[in-house]
Amino acid sequence: MSAQKVEYCTSCGIRLVEKGYVKFPCPQCGAEIGRCASCRQQGNVYTCSKCGFKAP
């Protein structure tokens, strides 16, 4: 039995399980960024954990 990888929102930390979330590469370094629908809608800032890039 293998462990399932759980994805979390880069901005608020909630699990990415609800409809409307996105995953995309960091514009600066290519690391994966995850955003929940709520943070996307509110324009909350995210910070890349790999390179520190910040954007709304």
C-alpha atoms as a PDB file:
ATOM      1  CA  MET A   1       0.000   0.000   0.000  1.00  0.00           C
ATOM      2  CA  SER A   2       1.515   3.340  -1.050  1.00  0.00           C
ATOM      3  CA  ALA A   3       1.004   6.694   0.621  1.00  0.00           C
ATOM      4  CA  GLN A   4      -1.042   9.190  -1.385  1.00  0.00           C
ATOM      5  CA  LYS A   5       0.501  12.630  -1.890  1.00  0.00           C
ATOM      6  CA  VAL A   6      -1.756  15.378  -0.527  1.00  0.00           C
ATOM      7  CA  GLU A   7      -1.566  18.795  -2.164  1.00  0.00           C
ATOM      8  CA  TYR A   8      -2.081  22.026  -0.252  1.00  0.00           C
ATOM      9  CA  CYS A   9      -2.767  25.645  -1.214  1.00  0.00           C
ATOM     10  CA  THR A  10       0.483  27.616  -1.321  1.00  0.00           C
ATOM     11  CA  SER A  11      -1.293  30.706   0.098  1.00  0.00           C
ATOM     12  CA  CYS A  12      -3.491  29.395   2.923  1.00  0.00           C
ATOM     13  CA  GLY A  13      -2.423  25.773   3.398  1.00  0.00           C
ATOM     14  CA  ILE A  14      -5.789  24.029   2.986  1.00  0.00           C
ATOM     15  CA  ARG A  15      -6.027  20.739   1.073  1.00  0.00           C
ATOM     16  CA  LEU A  16      -6.659  21.109  -2.648  1.00  0.00           C
ATOM     17  CA  VAL A  17      -9.745  18.927  -2.873  1.00  0.00           C
ATOM     18  CA  GLU A  18     -12.569  21.362  -3.684  1.00  0.00           C
ATOM     19  CA  LYS A  19     -13.622  22.340  -7.182  1.00  0.00           C
ATOM     20  CA  GLY A  20     -11.809  25.352  -8.653  1.00  0.00           C
ATOM     21  CA  TYR A  21      -8.236  24.806  -7.469  1.00  0.00           C
ATOM     22  CA  VAL A  22      -5.272  25.088  -9.858  1.00  0.00           C
ATOM     23  CA  LYS A  23      -1.691  23.871  -9.989  1.00  0.00           C
ATOM     24  CA  PHE A  24       0.854  25.653 -12.169  1.00  0.00           C
ATOM     25  CA  PRO A  25       4.626  26.163 -12.429  1.00  0.00           C
ATOM     26  CA  CYS A  26       6.270  29.083 -10.640  1.00  0.00           C
ATOM     27  CA  PRO A  27       6.956  31.796 -13.250  1.00  0.00           C
ATOM     28  CA  GLN A  28      10.498  32.218 -11.936  1.00  0.00           C
ATOM     29  CA  CYS A  29      11.815  28.717 -11.166  1.00  0.00           C
ATOM     30  CA  GLY A  30       9.207  26.203 -12.391  1.00  0.00           C
ATOM     31  CA  ALA A  31       8.359  24.682  -8.979  1.00  0.00           C
ATOM     32  CA  GLU A  32       4.724  23.602  -8.618  1.00  0.00           C
ATOM     33  CA  ILE A  33       2.349  26.150  -7.043  1.00  0.00           C
ATOM     34  CA  GLY A  34      -1.099  25.120  -5.778  1.00  0.00           C
ATOM     35  CA  ARG A  35      -3.934  27.608  -5.287  1.00  0.00           C
ATOM     36  CA  CYS A  36      -7.392  26.987  -3.832  1.00  0.00           C
ATOM     37  CA  ALA A  37     -10.448  28.603  -5.420  1.00  0.00           C
ATOM     38  CA  SER A  38     -10.914  30.961  -2.474  1.00  0.00           C
ATOM     39  CA  CYS A  39      -7.370  32.378  -2.572  1.00  0.00           C
ATOM     40  CA  ARG A  40      -7.567  32.724  -6.359  1.00  0.00           C
ATOM     41  CA  GLN A  41     -10.855  34.624  -6.107  1.00  0.00           C
ATOM     42  CA  GLN A  42      -9.596  36.907  -3.317  1.00  0.00           C
ATOM     43  CA  GLY A  43      -6.231  37.535  -4.996  1.00  0.00           C
ATOM     44  CA  ASN A  44      -4.269  36.367  -1.942  1.00  0.00           C
ATOM     45  CA  VAL A  45      -0.490  36.499  -2.311  1.00  0.00           C
ATOM     46  CA  TYR A  46       1.432  33.251  -2.778  1.00  0.00           C
ATOM     47  CA  THR A  47       5.146  32.691  -2.190  1.00  0.00           C
ATOM     48  CA  CYS A  48       7.125  29.989  -3.969  1.00  0.00           C
ATOM     49  CA  SER A  49       8.761  27.771  -1.354  1.00  0.00           C
ATOM     50  CA  LYS A  50      11.718  27.085  -3.648  1.00  0.00           C
ATOM     51  CA  CYS A  51      12.771  30.567  -4.875  1.00  0.00           C
ATOM     52  CA  GLY A  52      10.696  33.048  -2.820  1.00  0.00           C
ATOM     53  CA  PHE A  53       8.831  34.523  -5.827  1.00  0.00           C
ATOM     54  CA  LYS A  54       5.680  36.382  -4.656  1.00  0.00           C
ATOM     55  CA  ALA A  55       2.547  37.224  -6.631  1.00  0.00           C
ATOM     56  CA  PRO A  56      -1.216  37.619  -6.135  1.00  0.00           C
END
